[in-house]
C-alpha atoms as a PDB file:
ATOM      1  CA  MET A   1     125.824  91.840 112.725  1.00  0.00           C
ATOM      2  CA  PRO A   2     125.677  92.904 109.226  1.00  0.00           C
ATOM      3  CA  LYS A   3     126.475  90.495 106.312  1.00  0.00           C
ATOM      4  CA  TRP A   4     127.090  93.465 103.082  1.00  0.00           C
ATOM      5  CA  VAL A   5     126.435  92.002 100.198  1.00  0.00           C
ATOM      6  CA  ARG A   6     127.883  92.990  96.515  1.00  0.00           C
ATOM      7  CA  VAL A   7     124.400  93.097  94.351  1.00  0.00           C
ATOM      8  CA  ALA A   8     125.549  95.813  91.668  1.00  0.00           C
ATOM      9  CA  ALA A   9     128.384  98.373  90.210  1.00  0.00           C
ATOM     10  CA  THR A  10     127.195 101.946  89.870  1.00  0.00           C
ATOM     11  CA  THR A  11     126.905 102.241  86.933  1.00  0.00           C
ATOM     12  CA  ASP A  12     124.391  99.527  86.767  1.00  0.00           C
ATOM     13  CA  CYS A  13     122.021 101.463  88.296  1.00  0.00           C
ATOM     14  CA  PRO A  14     122.090 104.764  86.615  1.00  0.00           C
ATOM     15  CA  HIS A  15     120.817 108.213  88.251  1.00  0.00           C
ATOM     16  CA  GLY A  16     116.510 108.240  88.869  1.00  0.00           C
ATOM     17  CA  GLU A  17     116.386 104.913  87.652  1.00  0.00           C
ATOM     18  CA  SER A  18     115.715 101.368  90.061  1.00  0.00           C
ATOM     19  CA  ARG A  19     116.356  98.031  89.454  1.00  0.00           C
ATOM     20  CA  GLU A  20     115.458  94.624  90.552  1.00  0.00           C
ATOM     21  CA  LEU A  21     118.505  92.452  91.965  1.00  0.00           C
ATOM     22  CA  VAL A  22     119.123  89.040  94.117  1.00  0.00           C
ATOM     23  CA  ALA A  23     120.734  89.304  97.211  1.00  0.00           C
ATOM     24  CA  GLU A  24     121.740  85.637  99.064  1.00  0.00           C
ATOM     25  CA  GLY A  25     118.212  84.442  97.949  1.00  0.00           C
ATOM     26  CA  ARG A  26     116.385  87.547  98.819  1.00  0.00           C
ATOM     27  CA  ILE A  27     115.028  89.697  95.781  1.00  0.00           C
ATOM     28  CA  VAL A  28     115.967  93.235  96.609  1.00  0.00           C
ATOM     29  CA  ALA A  29     114.950  96.881  94.644  1.00  0.00           C
ATOM     30  CA  LEU A  30     118.206  99.031  94.363  1.00  0.00           C
ATOM     31  CA  TYR A  31     117.066 102.894  93.476  1.00  0.00           C
ATOM     32  CA  ASN A  32     119.706 105.704  92.239  1.00  0.00           C
ATOM     33  CA  VAL A  33     118.672 108.549  93.878  1.00  0.00           C
ATOM     34  CA  GLU A  34     120.933 112.353  91.837  1.00  0.00           C
ATOM     35  CA  GLY A  35     123.597 109.280  92.475  1.00  0.00           C
ATOM     36  CA  ASP A  36     122.656 108.258  96.382  1.00  0.00           C
ATOM     37  CA  TYR A  37     121.787 104.648  96.596  1.00  0.00           C
ATOM     38  CA  PHE A  38     118.887 102.683  98.776  1.00  0.00           C
ATOM     39  CA  ALA A  39     117.981  99.463  98.876  1.00  0.00           C
ATOM     40  CA  LEU A  40     114.152  98.314  99.301  1.00  0.00           C
ATOM     41  CA  ASP A  41     112.453  94.477 100.447  1.00  0.00           C
ATOM     42  CA  GLY A  42     111.939  94.284  96.690  1.00  0.00           C
ATOM     43  CA  VAL A  43     109.081  92.701  97.028  1.00  0.00           C
ATOM     44  CA  CYS A  44     105.590  95.256  97.357  1.00  0.00           C
ATOM     45  CA  PRO A  45     103.648  94.098 100.880  1.00  0.00           C
ATOM     46  CA  HIS A  46     100.762  94.729  99.364  1.00  0.00           C
ATOM     47  CA  GLN A  47     100.099  91.936  96.707  1.00  0.00           C
ATOM     48  CA  GLY A  48     103.866  90.980  95.740  1.00  0.00           C
ATOM     49  CA  GLY A  49     104.239  93.210  93.084  1.00  0.00           C
ATOM     50  CA  PRO A  50     107.806  94.102  91.692  1.00  0.00           C
ATOM     51  CA  LEU A  51     108.850  97.448  93.735  1.00  0.00           C
ATOM     52  CA  GLY A  52     112.102  96.806  91.850  1.00  0.00           C
ATOM     53  CA  LYS A  53     110.495  97.444  88.670  1.00  0.00           C
ATOM     54  CA  GLY A  54     108.323 100.704  89.407  1.00  0.00           C
ATOM     55  CA  VAL A  55     108.354 104.481  88.246  1.00  0.00           C
ATOM     56  CA  LEU A  56     111.093 106.415  90.510  1.00  0.00           C
ATOM     57  CA  THR A  57     110.694 109.821  90.573  1.00  0.00           C
ATOM     58  CA  GLY A  58     112.203 111.803  93.401  1.00  0.00           C
ATOM     59  CA  CYS A  59     112.602 109.429  96.541  1.00  0.00           C
ATOM     60  CA  LEU A  60     109.156 107.611  96.067  1.00  0.00           C
ATOM     61  CA  VAL A  61     108.926 104.772  93.970  1.00  0.00           C
ATOM     62  CA  THR A  62     104.968 103.548  92.260  1.00  0.00           C
ATOM     63  CA  CYS A  63     104.305  99.660  92.597  1.00  0.00           C
ATOM     64  CA  PRO A  64     103.443  98.843  89.076  1.00  0.00           C
ATOM     65  CA  TRP A  65     100.775  96.248  89.912  1.00  0.00           C
ATOM     66  CA  HIS A  66      98.404  98.243  91.537  1.00  0.00           C
ATOM     67  CA  GLY A  67      99.998 101.918  92.621  1.00  0.00           C
ATOM     68  CA  TRP A  68     101.570 101.730  96.501  1.00  0.00           C
ATOM     69  CA  GLN A  69     104.115 104.558  96.645  1.00  0.00           C
ATOM     70  CA  PHE A  70     107.616 104.154  99.644  1.00  0.00           C
ATOM     71  CA  ASP A  71     109.747 106.342  99.931  1.00  0.00           C
ATOM     72  CA  VAL A  72     113.200 104.513  98.842  1.00  0.00           C
ATOM     73  CA  ALA A  73     114.741 106.034 101.127  1.00  0.00           C
ATOM     74  CA  THR A  74     113.001 105.185 104.207  1.00  0.00           C
ATOM     75  CA  GLY A  75     110.393 102.412 103.607  1.00  0.00           C
ATOM     76  CA  GLN A  76     107.664 105.101 104.454  1.00  0.00           C
ATOM     77  CA  HIS A  77     104.292 104.371 103.013  1.00  0.00           C
ATOM     78  CA  GLN A  78     102.876 107.051 101.356  1.00  0.00           C
ATOM     79  CA  ALA A  79      99.075 106.595 102.399  1.00  0.00           C
ATOM     80  CA  SER A  80      99.059 104.746 105.480  1.00  0.00           C
ATOM     81  CA  GLN A  81     101.769 105.719 108.369  1.00  0.00           C
ATOM     82  CA  SER A  82     101.700 102.260 110.074  1.00  0.00           C
ATOM     83  CA  VAL A  83     103.202 100.849 106.951  1.00  0.00           C
ATOM     84  CA  VAL A  84     106.888 100.435 106.551  1.00  0.00           C
ATOM     85  CA  HIS A  85     108.212  98.377 104.213  1.00  0.00           C
ATOM     86  CA  THR A  86     111.873  97.200 104.603  1.00  0.00           C
ATOM     87  CA  SER A  87     115.030  99.117 104.090  1.00  0.00           C
ATOM     88  CA  PHE A  88     117.876  97.685 103.784  1.00  0.00           C
ATOM     89  CA  PRO A  89     121.630 100.084 104.203  1.00  0.00           C
ATOM     90  CA  VAL A  90     123.327 100.316 101.649  1.00  0.00           C
ATOM     91  CA  ARG A  91     127.451 101.303 100.946  1.00  0.00           C
ATOM     92  CA  VAL A  92     129.682 102.063  98.003  1.00  0.00           C
ATOM     93  CA  ASP A  93     132.829 100.662  98.114  1.00  0.00           C
ATOM     94  CA  GLY A  94     134.663 101.956  94.859  1.00  0.00           C
ATOM     95  CA  VAL A  95     132.403 100.620  91.937  1.00  0.00           C
ATOM     96  CA  ASP A  96     130.489  98.040  93.916  1.00  0.00           C
ATOM     97  CA  VAL A  97     127.288  98.439  95.670  1.00  0.00           C
ATOM     98  CA  LEU A  98     126.641  96.574  98.480  1.00  0.00           C
ATOM     99  CA  VAL A  99     123.281  96.174 100.759  1.00  0.00           C
ATOM    100  CA  ASP A 100     123.589  94.923 103.960  1.00  0.00           C
ATOM    101  CA  ILE A 101     120.839  91.766 103.600  1.00  0.00           C
ATOM    102  CA  GLU A 102     120.417  91.562 107.112  1.00  0.00           C
ATOM    103  CA  PRO A 103     118.473  94.917 108.742  1.00  0.00           C
ATOM    104  CA  ASP A 104     117.700  95.949 112.188  1.00  0.00           C
ATOM    105  CA  VAL A 105     114.999  94.316 113.570  1.00  0.00           C
ATOM    106  CA  GLY A 106     111.718  97.018 112.587  1.00  0.00           C
ATOM    107  CA  ALA A 107     114.230  98.312 110.150  1.00  0.00           C
END
C-alpha cells in the first residue's frame, strides 16, 4: 500500500539539481530532470555515500564518494546490470513533491 510523504516543494529542487532529504527517518535523494522528479534511496549501496549530494548530469547521478553512477529514473547502476538501487515513485500535488516510501518489492 502506498505511503505518500511530502518531502519538498517544487521550488526546493530546481531543474538539474538534487537534494538529500529525510522522509519518516529514511534518507531520500530527490532529483529534478527537466521538470520531472525522481527519487532514490539516498544512501549509495557501495559504501554509504550521499547520493542526494552527487553530481546530476541528465538522468545520471554520480556518487560524490567513489563515483558510482545510477540512472535516477530506474536506479540502474551504469557499470553493472545486476545492481539496481531502490527507487521511489514520485508525484507532484500542486507545489508539493511527494514520495511513496513504501516501494514495491524489487523496486
